Amino acid sequence: MPESASSRKRADAGEIRTRHADKTAAAPASSASLPESPASRRVSQEIAGKRRPTMTDVARIAGVSQSSVSLVLNHMTGTRISAATSRRVFDAARETGYELPGARRQDRAGVDRNVIAYLVDEVSTSPHPVVSLDGARDAGWEAGFLVAAHVTRSNPQIETATIEAIRRDPNVIGVIYSTIFTRRVSPPPSLDGLPTVLLNCHTPDRRLHSVVPGEVAGAFAATQHLIKRGHRRIGFINGEPWMEASADRLKGFRQALATADIAFDAELFRNGDWLPLQGYRHALELLRMGNPPSAIFCANDLMAVGALEAANELGLRVPQDVSIMGYDDQELARYTHPPLSTLVLPNYEMGRRAVELLIDLAIHNKPIRPMVIKIDGPLIERSSVGDLTAKPG
């Protein structure tokens, strides 16, 4: 199940869409550089023309996950990452100019308040909140702050006791209030008067700053990628309909179809549950139709794995006979057969941006009115999407 989704309302004047909040950190130089791949060229051009390098850039060039990049660049011991993979990560970091967290750490000598309290309802059931915490931790350390994580398990008593303890700590500058999947929340009154930034959640009155993923834009980009490669009959296997992630990804899918003047076909749409088995079952149904889709967009990578299995069972080749697109860029996406094209869920950048915003509010006293900040993730092209425009006839 995806643990992130954006608000169902489109961004308005109170919302900011950004392409990764990017103060990150410098990798040691290695003895050899990476050969310049198409992904490397694209990332280098983007950085040269627009922005600072991010962990996502390093992961794209090195061909590994953001989690692997973090483990390698932070010299974590006890991991099963090969020396060759580590060299690729260091080479990619050097090539992009990405710096290790702490390399440009601000001098905050004499400042006693140096703790950011990070409240989250759950971390152990999904990789997504862990990556968000990673981004928050790195951004805090770089600016001279420690991030203290508190897991409440959605228990009101634990949450109340935790916030009471936080308020008694004179070293705490403020709170990141985070949820495992994107949803509307009602922060407890005990947070009143304490600088607070919402992460992966939002309030209906927008009285607090909020950082969420740009899900509508993400699904739009993934669908548009298929359309640009000549696919016009596209199946869509979504997540559970009650979740904001599902609603927003469906909205982005339909907007991309409408932009290309393609009618939405309800026969090609299925509601899943984010797990491989449902992806498998729904893909079988779609691919057994008299006029099957040429491509299937799955709302997360796990269901896309099930879709790949369904295609294989039917003797269909991916991407020659059918294309499959995922969403999330989980670790497994690069190890499927073929490797899965997908859309990054930008948890790391969201965590960084939340901490940077909290520091601006609590330490720099910037008069920033509450807003919803949407973070977009890049599309990762691998090998599961075929190009129909290149076929004769």
Protein backbone atom coordinates (compact mmCIF):
# COMPACT_ATOMS: atom_id res chain seq x y z
CA MET A 1 0.00 0.00 0.00
CA PRO A 2 1.47 3.42 -0.82
CA GLU A 3 2.00 5.49 2.25
CA SER A 4 1.74 8.83 0.46
CA ALA A 5 -0.80 10.76 -1.59
CA SER A 6 -1.62 14.43 -2.15
CA SER A 7 -4.67 16.52 -1.39
CA ARG A 8 -7.58 15.97 -3.77
CA LYS A 9 -7.73 19.67 -4.48
CA ARG A 10 -5.54 21.20 -7.20
CA ALA A 11 -2.77 23.56 -6.17
CA ASP A 12 -3.98 27.14 -5.77
CA ALA A 13 -2.32 30.39 -4.78
CA GLY A 14 -1.61 28.92 -1.38
CA GLU A 15 0.25 25.93 -2.78
CA ILE A 16 3.74 25.65 -4.14
CA ARG A 17 4.91 22.93 -6.47
CA THR A 18 8.63 22.24 -6.36
CA ARG A 19 10.97 19.79 -8.04
CA HIS A 20 12.93 18.65 -5.00
CA ALA A 21 14.17 20.82 -2.17
CA ASP A 22 17.83 20.25 -2.75
CA LYS A 23 20.39 21.12 -0.16
CA THR A 24 22.30 17.87 0.10
CA ALA A 25 25.65 16.68 0.72
CA ALA A 26 29.24 15.71 -1.04
CA ALA A 27 30.64 12.27 -1.84
CA PRO A 28 34.30 11.46 -1.81
CA ALA A 29 35.92 11.22 -5.21
CA SER A 30 36.60 7.77 -6.56
CA SER A 31 39.37 6.60 -8.77
CA ALA A 32 37.25 6.12 -11.91
CA SER A 33 34.30 7.93 -13.45
CA LEU A 34 31.11 6.42 -14.78
CA PRO A 35 30.68 6.09 -18.55
CA GLU A 36 28.21 8.71 -19.70
CA SER A 37 24.81 7.03 -20.08
CA PRO A 38 21.62 8.65 -21.44
CA ALA A 39 20.36 8.96 -17.86
CA SER A 40 23.64 10.56 -16.83
CA ARG A 41 23.45 13.05 -19.69
CA ARG A 42 19.84 13.95 -18.87
CA VAL A 43 20.61 14.48 -15.18
CA SER A 44 23.73 16.53 -15.95
CA GLN A 45 21.76 18.76 -18.32
CA GLU A 46 19.00 19.26 -15.76
CA ILE A 47 21.48 20.18 -13.03
CA ALA A 48 23.45 22.49 -15.30
CA GLY A 49 20.32 24.34 -16.39
CA LYS A 50 18.08 24.36 -13.34
CA ARG A 51 19.04 23.15 -9.93
CA ARG A 52 21.34 21.58 -7.38
CA PRO A 53 21.94 17.82 -7.51
CA THR A 54 19.83 15.56 -5.28
CA MET A 55 20.05 12.03 -3.93
CA THR A 56 17.53 11.02 -6.60
CA ASP A 57 19.97 12.18 -9.30
CA VAL A 58 22.74 10.03 -7.84
CA ALA A 59 20.40 7.02 -7.65
CA ARG A 60 19.30 7.46 -11.29
CA ILE A 61 22.86 7.60 -12.61
CA ALA A 62 24.17 4.78 -10.42
CA GLY A 63 21.14 2.59 -11.13
CA VAL A 64 20.32 1.97 -7.46
CA SER A 65 17.68 3.08 -4.97
CA GLN A 66 17.77 6.24 -2.87
CA SER A 67 18.10 4.04 0.23
CA SER A 68 21.24 2.41 -1.21
CA VAL A 69 22.71 5.83 -1.98
CA SER A 70 22.08 6.94 1.59
CA LEU A 71 23.68 3.80 3.01
CA VAL A 72 26.77 4.10 0.82
CA LEU A 73 27.37 7.84 1.21
CA ASN A 74 26.87 7.68 4.97
CA HIS A 75 29.35 4.75 5.23
CA MET A 76 26.86 2.48 6.98
CA THR A 77 28.44 -0.80 8.05
CA GLY A 78 26.82 -4.23 7.98
CA THR A 79 25.03 -3.69 4.65
CA ARG A 80 25.14 -6.16 1.76
CA ILE A 81 26.15 -3.64 -0.87
CA SER A 82 28.93 -4.74 -3.17
CA ALA A 83 32.12 -2.79 -3.68
CA ALA A 84 31.21 -2.28 -7.34
CA THR A 85 27.86 -0.76 -6.40
CA SER A 86 29.53 1.50 -3.83
CA ARG A 87 31.99 2.71 -6.46
CA ARG A 88 29.11 3.51 -8.85
CA VAL A 89 27.37 5.54 -6.15
CA PHE A 90 30.52 7.50 -5.26
CA ASP A 91 31.28 8.10 -8.96
CA ALA A 92 27.73 9.32 -9.58
CA ALA A 93 27.87 11.61 -6.54
CA ARG A 94 31.16 13.09 -7.70
CA GLU A 95 29.89 13.47 -11.27
CA THR A 96 26.79 15.40 -10.18
CA GLY A 97 28.51 17.42 -7.46
CA TYR A 98 26.26 15.94 -4.78
CA GLU A 99 27.61 16.52 -1.27
CA LEU A 100 27.31 14.34 1.79
CA PRO A 101 24.99 15.66 4.51
CA GLY A 102 27.11 17.62 6.96
CA ALA A 103 29.76 18.68 4.42
CA ARG A 104 28.30 22.19 4.46
CA ARG A 105 26.93 22.01 7.98
CA GLN A 106 26.23 25.44 9.40
CA ASP A 107 28.20 26.67 12.41
CA ARG A 108 25.70 27.00 15.21
CA ALA A 109 28.09 27.31 18.13
CA GLY A 110 26.39 28.72 21.19
CA VAL A 111 22.90 27.79 20.07
CA ASP A 112 21.25 25.51 22.63
CA ARG A 113 17.97 24.77 20.88
CA ASN A 114 19.07 22.12 18.44
CA VAL A 115 16.40 19.39 18.38
CA ILE A 116 13.59 18.81 15.88
CA ALA A 117 10.84 16.50 17.11
CA TYR A 118 9.61 14.16 14.36
CA LEU A 119 6.24 12.55 15.11
CA VAL A 120 5.04 9.76 12.84
CA ASP A 121 2.14 7.35 13.24
CA GLU A 122 3.99 4.32 11.83
CA VAL A 123 7.36 3.40 10.29
CA SER A 124 7.74 -0.38 10.44
CA THR A 125 5.13 -1.42 7.85
CA SER A 126 6.46 0.43 4.80
CA PRO A 127 9.74 1.76 3.39
CA HIS A 128 8.23 5.14 2.53
CA PRO A 129 8.15 6.82 5.98
CA VAL A 130 11.69 5.60 6.65
CA VAL A 131 12.94 7.43 3.55
CA SER A 132 11.09 10.59 4.60
CA LEU A 133 12.75 10.39 8.01
CA ASP A 134 16.10 9.94 6.25
CA GLY A 135 15.57 13.19 4.34
CA ALA A 136 14.52 15.04 7.49
CA ARG A 137 17.51 13.73 9.41
CA ASP A 138 19.98 14.74 6.70
CA ALA A 139 18.54 18.24 6.29
CA GLY A 140 18.53 18.75 10.06
CA TRP A 141 22.10 17.57 10.54
CA GLU A 142 23.32 19.74 7.69
CA ALA A 143 21.79 22.79 9.38
CA GLY A 144 23.09 21.86 12.83
CA PHE A 145 20.03 20.16 14.29
CA LEU A 146 19.30 16.66 15.55
CA VAL A 147 16.06 14.99 14.53
CA ALA A 148 14.42 12.92 17.28
CA ALA A 149 11.84 10.44 15.96
CA HIS A 150 8.75 9.47 17.96
CA VAL A 151 6.42 6.72 16.69
CA THR A 152 2.87 7.03 18.06
CA ARG A 153 1.21 4.00 16.36
CA SER A 154 -1.90 6.20 15.89
CA ASN A 155 -2.50 5.86 19.63
CA PRO A 156 -3.97 9.13 21.03
CA GLN A 157 -2.59 8.44 24.51
CA ILE A 158 0.93 7.86 23.20
CA GLU A 159 0.65 10.96 21.00
CA THR A 160 -0.53 13.13 23.91
CA ALA A 161 2.21 11.90 26.23
CA THR A 162 4.84 12.38 23.53
CA ILE A 163 3.80 15.96 22.79
CA GLU A 164 3.75 16.78 26.52
CA ALA A 165 7.33 15.52 26.79
CA ILE A 166 8.33 17.51 23.71
CA ARG A 167 6.88 20.71 25.14
CA ARG A 168 8.90 20.22 28.33
CA ASP A 169 12.17 19.93 26.38
CA PRO A 170 13.72 23.42 26.04
CA ASN A 171 16.00 22.20 23.23
CA VAL A 172 13.15 21.46 20.80
CA ILE A 173 12.57 24.12 18.14
CA GLY A 174 9.42 22.60 16.69
CA VAL A 175 7.63 19.54 15.36
CA ILE A 176 7.35 17.64 12.09
CA TYR A 177 3.95 15.91 12.26
CA SER A 178 3.99 13.04 9.78
CA THR A 179 1.70 10.24 8.60
CA ILE A 180 2.45 6.94 6.85
CA PHE A 181 0.01 7.65 4.02
CA THR A 182 -1.31 10.98 2.83
CA ARG A 183 -4.56 11.96 4.47
CA ARG A 184 -6.48 14.74 6.17
CA VAL A 185 -5.59 15.12 9.84
CA SER A 186 -6.71 17.09 12.88
CA PRO A 187 -3.52 17.86 14.82
CA PRO A 188 -4.04 17.79 18.60
CA PRO A 189 -4.60 21.16 20.34
CA SER A 190 -1.49 20.45 22.42
CA LEU A 191 0.59 21.45 19.37
CA ASP A 192 -0.87 24.97 19.43
CA GLY A 193 1.85 27.59 19.84
CA LEU A 194 4.59 25.14 18.86
CA PRO A 195 6.10 25.63 15.39
CA THR A 196 4.74 22.71 13.37
CA VAL A 197 5.02 21.50 9.78
CA LEU A 198 2.79 18.70 8.49
CA LEU A 199 4.50 16.03 6.39
CA ASN A 200 2.48 13.79 4.07
CA CYS A 201 -0.76 15.08 5.59
CA HIS A 202 -2.88 18.24 5.58
CA THR A 203 -5.69 20.01 7.42
CA PRO A 204 -8.94 21.18 5.81
CA ASP A 205 -8.44 24.76 7.02
CA ARG A 206 -4.78 24.89 5.93
CA ARG A 207 -3.77 26.64 9.12
CA LEU A 208 -0.45 24.78 9.19
CA HIS A 209 2.27 24.38 6.57
CA SER A 210 2.08 21.06 4.77
CA VAL A 211 4.44 19.10 2.51
CA VAL A 212 2.86 16.39 0.35
CA PRO A 213 3.72 14.50 -2.85
CA GLY A 214 2.46 15.80 -6.18
CA GLU A 215 0.41 12.72 -7.00
CA VAL A 216 -1.78 14.20 -9.73
CA ALA A 217 1.28 15.46 -11.59
CA GLY A 218 3.04 12.13 -11.06
CA ALA A 219 0.25 10.03 -12.56
CA PHE A 220 -0.11 12.56 -15.37
CA ALA A 221 3.61 12.22 -16.19
CA ALA A 222 3.51 8.41 -16.09
CA THR A 223 0.46 8.25 -18.38
CA GLN A 224 1.86 10.88 -20.72
CA HIS A 225 5.04 8.80 -21.01
CA LEU A 226 2.94 5.91 -22.35
CA ILE A 227 0.97 8.16 -24.70
CA LYS A 228 4.13 9.69 -26.17
CA ARG A 229 5.25 6.18 -27.06
CA GLY A 230 2.14 5.61 -29.10
CA HIS A 231 -0.11 3.89 -26.56
CA ARG A 232 -3.74 5.01 -26.72
CA ARG A 233 -5.49 2.00 -25.24
CA ILE A 234 -4.12 2.04 -21.70
CA GLY A 235 -5.32 -0.05 -18.78
CA PHE A 236 -5.11 1.41 -15.29
CA ILE A 237 -4.94 -0.68 -12.10
CA ASN A 238 -5.43 1.74 -9.21
CA GLY A 239 -5.15 1.33 -5.45
CA GLU A 240 -7.91 1.23 -2.85
CA PRO A 241 -10.49 3.87 -3.81
CA TRP A 242 -10.86 5.33 -0.32
CA MET A 243 -7.25 6.56 -0.27
CA GLU A 244 -6.18 9.99 -1.48
CA ALA A 245 -3.30 8.40 -3.37
CA SER A 246 -5.80 6.47 -5.48
CA ALA A 247 -8.06 9.46 -6.09
CA ASP A 248 -5.19 11.70 -7.14
CA ARG A 249 -3.46 9.13 -9.35
CA LEU A 250 -6.76 8.43 -11.10
CA LYS A 251 -7.22 12.18 -11.58
CA GLY A 252 -3.74 12.50 -13.12
CA PHE A 253 -4.39 9.48 -15.37
CA ARG A 254 -7.65 10.93 -16.66
CA GLN A 255 -6.16 14.38 -17.17
CA ALA A 256 -3.36 12.93 -19.29
CA LEU A 257 -5.89 11.03 -21.42
CA ALA A 258 -8.02 14.14 -21.87
CA THR A 259 -4.99 16.23 -22.83
CA ALA A 260 -4.25 13.70 -25.61
CA ASP A 261 -7.93 13.62 -26.66
CA ILE A 262 -8.29 10.01 -25.52
CA ALA A 263 -11.62 9.08 -23.94
CA PHE A 264 -11.56 7.41 -20.53
CA ASP A 265 -12.73 3.79 -20.95
CA ALA A 266 -14.19 2.34 -17.74
CA GLU A 267 -13.63 -1.20 -19.10
CA LEU A 268 -9.89 -0.62 -18.85
CA PHE A 269 -10.04 0.57 -15.22
CA ARG A 270 -9.69 -1.60 -12.10
CA ASN A 271 -9.48 -0.84 -8.37
CA GLY A 272 -6.76 -2.89 -6.68
CA ASP A 273 -5.30 -3.07 -3.19
CA TRP A 274 -1.60 -2.15 -3.78
CA LEU A 275 -0.50 -5.82 -3.58
CA PRO A 276 0.94 -8.09 -6.32
CA LEU A 277 -1.92 -10.62 -6.31
CA GLN A 278 -4.53 -8.04 -7.26
CA GLY A 279 -2.21 -6.61 -9.89
CA TYR A 280 -1.86 -10.13 -11.31
CA ARG A 281 -5.60 -10.85 -11.32
CA HIS A 282 -6.62 -7.51 -12.83
CA ALA A 283 -3.88 -7.68 -15.47
CA LEU A 284 -5.09 -11.16 -16.48
CA GLU A 285 -8.61 -9.77 -16.96
CA LEU A 286 -7.38 -6.83 -19.02
CA LEU A 287 -5.02 -8.87 -21.19
CA ARG A 288 -7.69 -11.52 -21.92
CA MET A 289 -10.09 -8.93 -23.34
CA GLY A 290 -11.04 -9.20 -27.01
CA ASN A 291 -9.35 -5.83 -27.55
CA PRO A 292 -6.71 -5.74 -24.80
CA PRO A 293 -4.73 -2.63 -23.84
CA SER A 294 -1.28 -2.13 -25.36
CA ALA A 295 -0.08 -0.79 -22.01
CA ILE A 296 -1.05 -1.13 -18.34
CA PHE A 297 -0.31 1.60 -15.80
CA CYS A 298 -0.24 0.25 -12.23
CA ALA A 299 -0.61 2.72 -9.36
CA ASN A 300 2.30 1.15 -7.50
CA ASP A 301 5.25 -1.10 -8.23
CA LEU A 302 3.94 -4.09 -6.28
CA MET A 303 0.83 -4.36 -8.46
CA ALA A 304 3.06 -3.87 -11.52
CA VAL A 305 5.05 -6.94 -10.43
CA GLY A 306 1.79 -8.88 -10.47
CA ALA A 307 1.00 -7.50 -13.93
CA LEU A 308 4.40 -8.66 -15.20
CA GLU A 309 3.63 -12.15 -13.91
CA ALA A 310 0.23 -12.14 -15.65
CA ALA A 311 1.82 -11.17 -18.96
CA ASN A 312 4.40 -13.91 -18.60
CA GLU A 313 1.72 -16.50 -17.82
CA LEU A 314 -0.15 -15.55 -21.00
CA GLY A 315 3.01 -15.83 -23.08
CA LEU A 316 3.18 -12.08 -23.71
CA ARG A 317 6.54 -10.38 -23.92
CA VAL A 318 7.16 -7.12 -22.04
CA PRO A 319 7.54 -4.63 -23.64
CA GLN A 320 7.26 -6.13 -27.14
CA ASP A 321 3.65 -7.32 -26.73
CA VAL A 322 2.45 -5.21 -23.80
CA SER A 323 3.99 -2.35 -21.85
CA ILE A 324 3.77 -2.06 -18.05
CA MET A 325 4.34 1.11 -16.02
CA GLY A 326 4.74 1.24 -12.24
CA TYR A 327 4.70 3.96 -9.60
CA ASP A 328 6.78 4.54 -6.40
CA ASP A 329 10.24 3.34 -7.59
CA GLN A 330 10.61 0.77 -4.85
CA GLU A 331 13.86 -1.18 -4.62
CA LEU A 332 12.38 -4.19 -6.42
CA ALA A 333 11.56 -2.16 -9.55
CA ARG A 334 15.12 -2.42 -10.86
CA TYR A 335 15.28 -6.19 -10.37
CA THR A 336 12.14 -7.32 -12.21
CA HIS A 337 12.32 -8.91 -15.68
CA PRO A 338 12.44 -6.58 -17.48
CA PRO A 339 13.37 -3.75 -15.07
CA LEU A 340 10.28 -1.65 -14.38
CA SER A 341 9.76 1.88 -15.68
CA THR A 342 8.18 3.85 -12.85
CA LEU A 343 7.65 7.22 -11.17
CA VAL A 344 9.56 8.19 -8.01
CA LEU A 345 7.56 8.88 -4.87
CA PRO A 346 9.75 11.73 -3.50
CA ASN A 347 9.72 10.83 0.20
CA TYR A 348 13.34 11.86 0.79
CA GLU A 349 12.89 15.32 -0.71
CA MET A 350 9.62 15.76 1.21
CA GLY A 351 11.40 15.07 4.50
CA ARG A 352 14.15 17.54 3.65
CA ARG A 353 11.71 20.26 2.63
CA ALA A 354 9.66 19.88 5.82
CA VAL A 355 12.73 20.37 8.00
CA GLU A 356 13.98 23.33 5.96
CA LEU A 357 10.58 24.97 6.28
CA LEU A 358 10.42 24.34 10.03
CA ILE A 359 13.87 25.92 10.52
CA ASP A 360 12.76 28.97 8.51
CA LEU A 361 9.71 29.33 10.74
CA ALA A 362 11.21 28.56 14.14
CA ILE A 363 14.77 29.88 13.88
CA HIS A 364 14.81 32.44 11.08
CA ASN A 365 11.34 33.76 11.99
CA LYS A 366 10.38 34.09 8.35
CA PRO A 367 6.82 35.42 7.95
CA ILE A 368 5.60 32.60 5.67
CA ARG A 369 1.84 32.18 5.48
CA PRO A 370 0.60 28.58 5.74
CA MET A 371 0.67 26.77 2.41
CA VAL A 372 0.60 23.33 0.84
CA ILE A 373 3.90 22.47 -0.84
CA LYS A 374 3.72 19.68 -3.42
CA ILE A 375 6.90 17.81 -4.29
CA ASP A 376 7.07 16.11 -7.70
CA GLY A 377 9.11 12.98 -8.39
CA PRO A 378 10.97 12.19 -11.62
CA LEU A 379 10.01 9.49 -14.09
CA ILE A 380 12.48 6.59 -14.24
CA GLU A 381 12.76 4.97 -17.68
CA ARG A 382 13.89 1.36 -17.60
CA SER A 383 12.84 -1.44 -19.94
CA SER A 384 9.15 -2.26 -19.44
CA VAL A 385 7.63 0.32 -21.82
CA GLY A 386 7.77 -0.20 -25.57
CA ASP A 387 7.60 2.48 -28.26
CA LEU A 388 4.75 1.86 -30.70
CA THR A 389 5.74 4.91 -32.74
CA ALA A 390 8.89 3.08 -33.83
CA LYS A 391 6.94 0.12 -35.24
CA PRO A 392 6.13 0.06 -38.97
CA GLY A 393 2.52 0.60 -39.93
